[in-house]
Amino acid sequence: MASFPLTQARRAGLPARRAGATLAEVFPAPGAEAAAAGFVMAQLGPGSGAVLWIQDRQARRETGRPFLAGFHRPLMLLHLSRPLDVMIAAEEGAQCRALAAVVAEIRGDPPAVDFTAMKRLALRAEAAGVPCWLIRQAATANLSAARDRWRISSLPSAAHPDDPRAPGAPRWRADLFRSRDRQPGDWVVCHDPGAADRLDLVATVPDGPLAEDAGAVGQRAAR
């Protein structure tokens, strides 16, 4: 069980560090697009810098605009028709040092999201120090220039501390399946925005019942 404030959790294995900002890809499992958006928002944490959030038409049609209740950052939503336009806008945003981050949602495997375009996006993000997250809905994890690549699926929420019938803090299964500068791994991640914006990480284990027990113990330890 690992329990850290958000900035410490990043150093312990999660990306999104301002000094080493770069491009990360997130591949949500079918039906887990909202979980992927929530996972990315948890990485951004609170702050004063604005976030540019871009969606193509198909992504918005399938999942709607991101629901950002409790997201304590200024947000600029940009809806574009074509994935090519999304990639261009993300590249422009990644060069703006006034932004805290750029998030782009694209559905499918359009030709615009190729290795060359992603390499440009990664270089722009690293040069300006602006983290860039690319959420790839219903996409294939093909050749990519992203420095970190995640698979995200949703899990039942943690127990609510005051009402056992109510949902508690959100939880995800996060698989860092490829990374340029850190050890890949598979975690159960719980985000508690009320506890100093903390992320709790529990390493998954292969056996299902044992994994459930580990998660329960981890949640008790977190409280």
C-alpha atoms as a PDB file:
ATOM      1  CA  MET A   1       0.000   0.000   0.000  1.00  0.00           C
ATOM      2  CA  ALA A   2       1.283   3.444  -0.899  1.00  0.00           C
ATOM      3  CA  SER A   3      -0.448   6.582   0.276  1.00  0.00           C
ATOM      4  CA  PHE A   4       0.950   9.961  -0.756  1.00  0.00           C
ATOM      5  CA  PRO A   5      -0.024  13.560  -1.265  1.00  0.00           C
ATOM      6  CA  LEU A   6      -0.494  14.055  -4.995  1.00  0.00           C
ATOM      7  CA  THR A   7       2.943  15.586  -5.632  1.00  0.00           C
ATOM      8  CA  GLN A   8       4.638  12.704  -3.822  1.00  0.00           C
ATOM      9  CA  ALA A   9       2.503  10.131  -5.614  1.00  0.00           C
ATOM     10  CA  ARG A  10       3.777  11.472  -8.908  1.00  0.00           C
ATOM     11  CA  ARG A  11       7.370  10.930  -7.856  1.00  0.00           C
ATOM     12  CA  ALA A  12       6.491   7.429  -6.670  1.00  0.00           C
ATOM     13  CA  GLY A  13       5.378   6.234 -10.096  1.00  0.00           C
ATOM     14  CA  LEU A  14       2.666   8.444 -11.561  1.00  0.00           C
ATOM     15  CA  PRO A  15       3.418  10.980 -14.305  1.00  0.00           C
ATOM     16  CA  ALA A  16       2.525  14.663 -14.639  1.00  0.00           C
ATOM     17  CA  ARG A  17       5.461  16.450 -13.066  1.00  0.00           C
ATOM     18  CA  ARG A  18       5.809  20.059 -14.139  1.00  0.00           C
ATOM     19  CA  ALA A  19       9.623  20.085 -14.360  1.00  0.00           C
ATOM     20  CA  GLY A  20       9.619  17.024 -16.634  1.00  0.00           C
ATOM     21  CA  ALA A  21       6.324  17.634 -18.415  1.00  0.00           C
ATOM     22  CA  THR A  22       5.758  15.511 -21.486  1.00  0.00           C
ATOM     23  CA  LEU A  23       3.110  13.648 -23.497  1.00  0.00           C
ATOM     24  CA  ALA A  24       1.179  10.755 -21.946  1.00  0.00           C
ATOM     25  CA  GLU A  25      -1.435   8.546 -23.616  1.00  0.00           C
ATOM     26  CA  VAL A  26      -4.440   7.043 -21.842  1.00  0.00           C
ATOM     27  CA  PHE A  27      -6.436   4.152 -23.340  1.00  0.00           C
ATOM     28  CA  PRO A  28      -9.759   3.653 -21.523  1.00  0.00           C
ATOM     29  CA  ALA A  29     -11.372   0.234 -21.487  1.00  0.00           C
ATOM     30  CA  PRO A  30     -14.750   0.046 -23.317  1.00  0.00           C
ATOM     31  CA  GLY A  31     -17.235   2.030 -21.260  1.00  0.00           C
ATOM     32  CA  ALA A  32     -14.504   3.522 -19.055  1.00  0.00           C
ATOM     33  CA  GLU A  33     -14.055   6.812 -20.909  1.00  0.00           C
ATOM     34  CA  ALA A  34     -15.302   8.769 -17.895  1.00  0.00           C
ATOM     35  CA  ALA A  35     -12.864   6.853 -15.692  1.00  0.00           C
ATOM     36  CA  ALA A  36     -10.004   7.898 -17.973  1.00  0.00           C
ATOM     37  CA  ALA A  37     -11.063  11.540 -17.775  1.00  0.00           C
ATOM     38  CA  GLY A  38     -11.295  11.298 -13.979  1.00  0.00           C
ATOM     39  CA  PHE A  39      -7.867   9.672 -13.777  1.00  0.00           C
ATOM     40  CA  VAL A  40      -6.315  12.477 -15.816  1.00  0.00           C
ATOM     41  CA  MET A  41      -8.061  15.160 -13.744  1.00  0.00           C
ATOM     42  CA  ALA A  42      -6.715  13.529 -10.566  1.00  0.00           C
ATOM     43  CA  GLN A  43      -3.191  13.837 -11.983  1.00  0.00           C
ATOM     44  CA  LEU A  44      -3.628  17.560 -12.568  1.00  0.00           C
ATOM     45  CA  GLY A  45      -4.621  18.346  -9.001  1.00  0.00           C
ATOM     46  CA  PRO A  46      -5.611  21.794  -7.686  1.00  0.00           C
ATOM     47  CA  GLY A  47      -3.891  25.003  -8.702  1.00  0.00           C
ATOM     48  CA  SER A  48      -4.300  28.362 -10.375  1.00  0.00           C
ATOM     49  CA  GLY A  49      -3.123  27.464 -13.890  1.00  0.00           C
ATOM     50  CA  ALA A  50      -5.768  26.887 -16.549  1.00  0.00           C
ATOM     51  CA  VAL A  51      -6.245  23.568 -18.346  1.00  0.00           C
ATOM     52  CA  LEU A  52      -7.069  23.400 -22.048  1.00  0.00           C
ATOM     53  CA  TRP A  53      -9.416  20.436 -22.657  1.00  0.00           C
ATOM     54  CA  ILE A  54     -10.033  19.558 -26.323  1.00  0.00           C
ATOM     55  CA  GLN A  55     -12.519  17.035 -27.761  1.00  0.00           C
ATOM     56  CA  ASP A  56     -13.188  15.904 -31.290  1.00  0.00           C
ATOM     57  CA  ARG A  57     -16.763  15.487 -32.484  1.00  0.00           C
ATOM     58  CA  GLN A  58     -16.874  11.694 -32.118  1.00  0.00           C
ATOM     59  CA  ALA A  59     -15.456  11.741 -28.592  1.00  0.00           C
ATOM     60  CA  ARG A  60     -17.966  14.345 -27.462  1.00  0.00           C
ATOM     61  CA  ARG A  61     -20.851  12.511 -29.168  1.00  0.00           C
ATOM     62  CA  GLU A  62     -19.997   9.246 -27.438  1.00  0.00           C
ATOM     63  CA  THR A  63     -19.193  10.477 -23.929  1.00  0.00           C
ATOM     64  CA  GLY A  64     -20.322  14.102 -23.669  1.00  0.00           C
ATOM     65  CA  ARG A  65     -18.346  16.941 -22.183  1.00  0.00           C
ATOM     66  CA  PRO A  66     -16.250  16.184 -19.089  1.00  0.00           C
ATOM     67  CA  PHE A  67     -18.092  16.558 -15.789  1.00  0.00           C
ATOM     68  CA  LEU A  68     -15.764  18.645 -13.658  1.00  0.00           C
ATOM     69  CA  ALA A  69     -17.500  19.103 -10.313  1.00  0.00           C
ATOM     70  CA  GLY A  70     -14.834  19.694  -7.687  1.00  0.00           C
ATOM     71  CA  PHE A  71     -12.129  20.360 -10.264  1.00  0.00           C
ATOM     72  CA  HIS A  72     -10.327  23.347  -8.757  1.00  0.00           C
ATOM     73  CA  ARG A  73      -8.684  24.804 -11.858  1.00  0.00           C
ATOM     74  CA  PRO A  74      -9.824  27.226 -14.544  1.00  0.00           C
ATOM     75  CA  LEU A  75     -10.887  25.194 -17.568  1.00  0.00           C
ATOM     76  CA  MET A  76     -11.097  26.044 -21.247  1.00  0.00           C
ATOM     77  CA  LEU A  77     -13.205  23.586 -23.274  1.00  0.00           C
ATOM     78  CA  LEU A  78     -12.608  23.402 -27.011  1.00  0.00           C
ATOM     79  CA  HIS A  79     -14.843  21.286 -29.273  1.00  0.00           C
ATOM     80  CA  LEU A  80     -13.538  20.595 -32.776  1.00  0.00           C
ATOM     81  CA  SER A  81     -14.848  18.502 -35.641  1.00  0.00           C
ATOM     82  CA  ARG A  82     -11.749  16.750 -36.912  1.00  0.00           C
ATOM     83  CA  PRO A  83      -9.003  14.848 -35.085  1.00  0.00           C
ATOM     84  CA  LEU A  84      -6.481  16.756 -37.194  1.00  0.00           C
ATOM     85  CA  ASP A  85      -7.774  20.023 -35.732  1.00  0.00           C
ATOM     86  CA  VAL A  86      -7.540  18.556 -32.224  1.00  0.00           C
ATOM     87  CA  MET A  87      -3.887  17.626 -32.748  1.00  0.00           C
ATOM     88  CA  ILE A  88      -3.081  21.077 -34.132  1.00  0.00           C
ATOM     89  CA  ALA A  89      -4.831  22.790 -31.206  1.00  0.00           C
ATOM     90  CA  ALA A  90      -3.078  20.516 -28.695  1.00  0.00           C
ATOM     91  CA  GLU A  91       0.286  21.319 -30.240  1.00  0.00           C
ATOM     92  CA  GLU A  92      -0.426  25.042 -30.062  1.00  0.00           C
ATOM     93  CA  GLY A  93      -1.615  24.743 -26.460  1.00  0.00           C
ATOM     94  CA  ALA A  94       1.430  22.715 -25.437  1.00  0.00           C
ATOM     95  CA  GLN A  95       3.605  25.688 -26.378  1.00  0.00           C
ATOM     96  CA  CYS A  96       1.702  28.052 -24.059  1.00  0.00           C
ATOM     97  CA  ARG A  97       3.579  28.254 -20.772  1.00  0.00           C
ATOM     98  CA  ALA A  98       0.607  29.990 -19.135  1.00  0.00           C
ATOM     99  CA  LEU A  99      -1.345  26.700 -19.235  1.00  0.00           C
ATOM    100  CA  ALA A 100      -1.084  24.121 -16.496  1.00  0.00           C
ATOM    101  CA  ALA A 101      -1.832  21.255 -18.903  1.00  0.00           C
ATOM    102  CA  VAL A 102      -3.422  20.268 -22.199  1.00  0.00           C
ATOM    103  CA  VAL A 103      -5.873  17.343 -22.422  1.00  0.00           C
ATOM    104  CA  ALA A 104      -7.118  16.061 -25.779  1.00  0.00           C
ATOM    105  CA  GLU A 105      -9.787  13.397 -26.342  1.00  0.00           C
ATOM    106  CA  ILE A 106      -9.871  11.658 -29.729  1.00  0.00           C
ATOM    107  CA  ARG A 107     -11.974   8.639 -30.677  1.00  0.00           C
ATOM    108  CA  GLY A 108     -10.752   5.843 -32.903  1.00  0.00           C
ATOM    109  CA  ASP A 109      -7.569   5.575 -34.949  1.00  0.00           C
ATOM    110  CA  PRO A 110      -7.598   8.561 -37.315  1.00  0.00           C
ATOM    111  CA  PRO A 111      -4.591   9.093 -39.624  1.00  0.00           C
ATOM    112  CA  ALA A 112      -3.937  12.456 -37.917  1.00  0.00           C
ATOM    113  CA  VAL A 113      -2.778  10.666 -34.764  1.00  0.00           C
ATOM    114  CA  ASP A 114       0.413   9.212 -36.193  1.00  0.00           C
ATOM    115  CA  PHE A 115       3.929   8.876 -34.810  1.00  0.00           C
ATOM    116  CA  THR A 116       5.152  12.107 -36.415  1.00  0.00           C
ATOM    117  CA  ALA A 117       2.299  14.213 -35.010  1.00  0.00           C
ATOM    118  CA  MET A 118       2.729  12.720 -31.556  1.00  0.00           C
ATOM    119  CA  LYS A 119       6.476  13.277 -31.650  1.00  0.00           C
ATOM    120  CA  ARG A 120       5.897  16.966 -32.379  1.00  0.00           C
ATOM    121  CA  LEU A 121       3.385  17.156 -29.555  1.00  0.00           C
ATOM    122  CA  ALA A 122       5.777  15.509 -27.089  1.00  0.00           C
ATOM    123  CA  LEU A 123       8.621  17.838 -28.054  1.00  0.00           C
ATOM    124  CA  ARG A 124       6.413  20.938 -27.717  1.00  0.00           C
ATOM    125  CA  ALA A 125       5.211  19.824 -24.263  1.00  0.00           C
ATOM    126  CA  GLU A 126       8.732  19.104 -23.047  1.00  0.00           C
ATOM    127  CA  ALA A 127      10.159  22.351 -24.403  1.00  0.00           C
ATOM    128  CA  ALA A 128       7.482  24.484 -22.717  1.00  0.00           C
ATOM    129  CA  GLY A 129       7.076  22.387 -19.563  1.00  0.00           C
ATOM    130  CA  VAL A 130       3.341  21.887 -20.186  1.00  0.00           C
ATOM    131  CA  PRO A 131       2.035  18.345 -19.458  1.00  0.00           C
ATOM    132  CA  CYS A 132      -0.072  16.982 -22.314  1.00  0.00           C
ATOM    133  CA  TRP A 133      -2.507  14.089 -21.948  1.00  0.00           C
ATOM    134  CA  LEU A 134      -4.016  12.345 -24.975  1.00  0.00           C
ATOM    135  CA  ILE A 135      -7.101  10.238 -24.146  1.00  0.00           C
ATOM    136  CA  ARG A 136      -7.504   7.660 -26.947  1.00  0.00           C
ATOM    137  CA  GLN A 137     -11.099   6.414 -26.888  1.00  0.00           C
ATOM    138  CA  ALA A 138     -11.720   3.077 -28.672  1.00  0.00           C
ATOM    139  CA  ALA A 139      -8.198   3.207 -30.097  1.00  0.00           C
ATOM    140  CA  THR A 140      -5.383   0.756 -30.744  1.00  0.00           C
ATOM    141  CA  ALA A 141      -2.083   1.138 -28.919  1.00  0.00           C
ATOM    142  CA  ASN A 142       0.008   1.398 -32.077  1.00  0.00           C
ATOM    143  CA  LEU A 143       3.474   2.927 -32.498  1.00  0.00           C
ATOM    144  CA  SER A 144       3.633   6.105 -30.433  1.00  0.00           C
ATOM    145  CA  ALA A 145       5.996   8.845 -29.295  1.00  0.00           C
ATOM    146  CA  ALA A 146       4.213   9.237 -25.947  1.00  0.00           C
ATOM    147  CA  ARG A 147       6.606   8.922 -23.009  1.00  0.00           C
ATOM    148  CA  ASP A 148       4.028   7.221 -20.765  1.00  0.00           C
ATOM    149  CA  ARG A 149       1.183   4.975 -21.943  1.00  0.00           C
ATOM    150  CA  TRP A 150      -1.674   3.929 -19.663  1.00  0.00           C
ATOM    151  CA  ARG A 151      -4.638   1.556 -19.802  1.00  0.00           C
ATOM    152  CA  ILE A 152      -7.462   2.622 -17.488  1.00  0.00           C
ATOM    153  CA  SER A 153     -10.534   0.719 -16.365  1.00  0.00           C
ATOM    154  CA  SER A 154     -13.137   1.597 -13.751  1.00  0.00           C
ATOM    155  CA  LEU A 155     -13.578  -0.128 -10.391  1.00  0.00           C
ATOM    156  CA  PRO A 156     -16.286   0.119  -7.726  1.00  0.00           C
ATOM    157  CA  SER A 157     -15.829   3.207  -5.605  1.00  0.00           C
ATOM    158  CA  ALA A 158     -14.270   3.012  -2.168  1.00  0.00           C
ATOM    159  CA  ALA A 159     -16.503   2.721   0.875  1.00  0.00           C
ATOM    160  CA  HIS A 160     -18.088   5.996   1.948  1.00  0.00           C
ATOM    161  CA  PRO A 161     -16.882   6.899   5.473  1.00  0.00           C
ATOM    162  CA  ASP A 162     -20.310   8.151   6.601  1.00  0.00           C
ATOM    163  CA  ASP A 163     -22.889   6.262   4.522  1.00  0.00           C
ATOM    164  CA  PRO A 164     -22.295   2.652   3.402  1.00  0.00           C
ATOM    165  CA  ARG A 165     -25.029   3.018   0.751  1.00  0.00           C
ATOM    166  CA  ALA A 166     -23.395   6.038  -0.875  1.00  0.00           C
ATOM    167  CA  PRO A 167     -20.480   5.973  -3.315  1.00  0.00           C
ATOM    168  CA  GLY A 168     -17.130   6.916  -1.868  1.00  0.00           C
ATOM    169  CA  ALA A 169     -13.892   8.084  -3.475  1.00  0.00           C
ATOM    170  CA  PRO A 170     -13.438   7.003  -7.108  1.00  0.00           C
ATOM    171  CA  ARG A 171     -11.137   4.104  -7.921  1.00  0.00           C
ATOM    172  CA  TRP A 172      -9.497   2.969 -11.137  1.00  0.00           C
ATOM    173  CA  ARG A 173      -7.258   0.186 -12.309  1.00  0.00           C
ATOM    174  CA  ALA A 174      -4.247   1.866 -13.884  1.00  0.00           C
ATOM    175  CA  ASP A 175      -1.813  -0.125 -15.999  1.00  0.00           C
ATOM    176  CA  LEU A 176       1.323   1.767 -17.016  1.00  0.00           C
ATOM    177  CA  PHE A 177       2.232  -0.637 -19.816  1.00  0.00           C
ATOM    178  CA  ARG A 178       5.005   1.427 -21.372  1.00  0.00           C
ATOM    179  CA  SER A 179       7.217   4.232 -20.104  1.00  0.00           C
ATOM    180  CA  ARG A 180      10.464   5.827 -21.185  1.00  0.00           C
ATOM    181  CA  ASP A 181      11.825   6.715 -17.741  1.00  0.00           C
ATOM    182  CA  ARG A 182       9.973   4.748 -15.063  1.00  0.00           C
ATOM    183  CA  GLN A 183       9.108   1.177 -14.199  1.00  0.00           C
ATOM    184  CA  PRO A 184       5.797  -0.023 -15.716  1.00  0.00           C
ATOM    185  CA  GLY A 185       3.275  -1.337 -13.229  1.00  0.00           C
ATOM    186  CA  ASP A 186      -0.354  -2.122 -12.495  1.00  0.00           C
ATOM    187  CA  TRP A 187      -2.176  -0.385  -9.634  1.00  0.00           C
ATOM    188  CA  VAL A 188      -5.534   0.137  -8.029  1.00  0.00           C
ATOM    189  CA  VAL A 189      -5.696   3.925  -7.696  1.00  0.00           C
ATOM    190  CA  CYS A 190      -8.034   5.740  -5.328  1.00  0.00           C
ATOM    191  CA  HIS A 191      -8.382   9.524  -5.439  1.00  0.00           C
ATOM    192  CA  ASP A 192      -9.461  11.283  -2.270  1.00  0.00           C
ATOM    193  CA  PRO A 193      -9.826  15.006  -3.053  1.00  0.00           C
ATOM    194  CA  GLY A 194     -10.694  15.736   0.557  1.00  0.00           C
ATOM    195  CA  ALA A 195      -7.415  14.402   1.964  1.00  0.00           C
ATOM    196  CA  ALA A 196      -4.903  16.940   0.652  1.00  0.00           C
ATOM    197  CA  ASP A 197      -5.786  15.785  -2.881  1.00  0.00           C
ATOM    198  CA  ARG A 198      -4.214  12.422  -2.146  1.00  0.00           C
ATOM    199  CA  LEU A 199      -3.776   9.451  -4.481  1.00  0.00           C
ATOM    200  CA  ASP A 200      -3.641   6.014  -2.833  1.00  0.00           C
ATOM    201  CA  LEU A 201      -1.898   3.275  -4.819  1.00  0.00           C
ATOM    202  CA  VAL A 202      -2.282  -0.462  -4.205  1.00  0.00           C
ATOM    203  CA  ALA A 203      -0.314  -2.831  -6.420  1.00  0.00           C
ATOM    204  CA  THR A 204      -2.610  -5.386  -8.035  1.00  0.00           C
ATOM    205  CA  VAL A 205      -2.016  -9.105  -7.601  1.00  0.00           C
ATOM    206  CA  PRO A 206      -2.992 -11.818 -10.103  1.00  0.00           C
ATOM    207  CA  ASP A 207      -5.536 -13.662  -7.934  1.00  0.00           C
ATOM    208  CA  GLY A 208      -8.954 -12.003  -7.917  1.00  0.00           C
ATOM    209  CA  PRO A 209      -9.984 -12.606  -4.274  1.00  0.00           C
ATOM    210  CA  LEU A 210      -6.532 -11.652  -3.061  1.00  0.00           C
ATOM    211  CA  ALA A 211      -6.674  -8.477  -5.116  1.00  0.00           C
ATOM    212  CA  GLU A 212      -9.998  -7.596  -3.525  1.00  0.00           C
ATOM    213  CA  ASP A 213      -8.585  -8.268  -0.059  1.00  0.00           C
ATOM    214  CA  ALA A 214      -5.532  -6.120  -0.808  1.00  0.00           C
ATOM    215  CA  GLY A 215      -7.745  -3.278  -1.919  1.00  0.00           C
ATOM    216  CA  ALA A 216      -9.887  -3.524   1.211  1.00  0.00           C
ATOM    217  CA  VAL A 217      -6.830  -3.529   3.467  1.00  0.00           C
ATOM    218  CA  GLY A 218      -5.397  -0.605   1.545  1.00  0.00           C
ATOM    219  CA  GLN A 219      -8.560   1.418   1.983  1.00  0.00           C
ATOM    220  CA  ARG A 220      -8.587   0.727   5.725  1.00  0.00           C
ATOM    221  CA  ALA A 221      -4.955   1.789   5.903  1.00  0.00           C
ATOM    222  CA  ALA A 222      -5.719   4.957   3.980  1.00  0.00           C
ATOM    223  CA  ARG A 223      -8.335   5.940   6.510  1.00  0.00           C
END
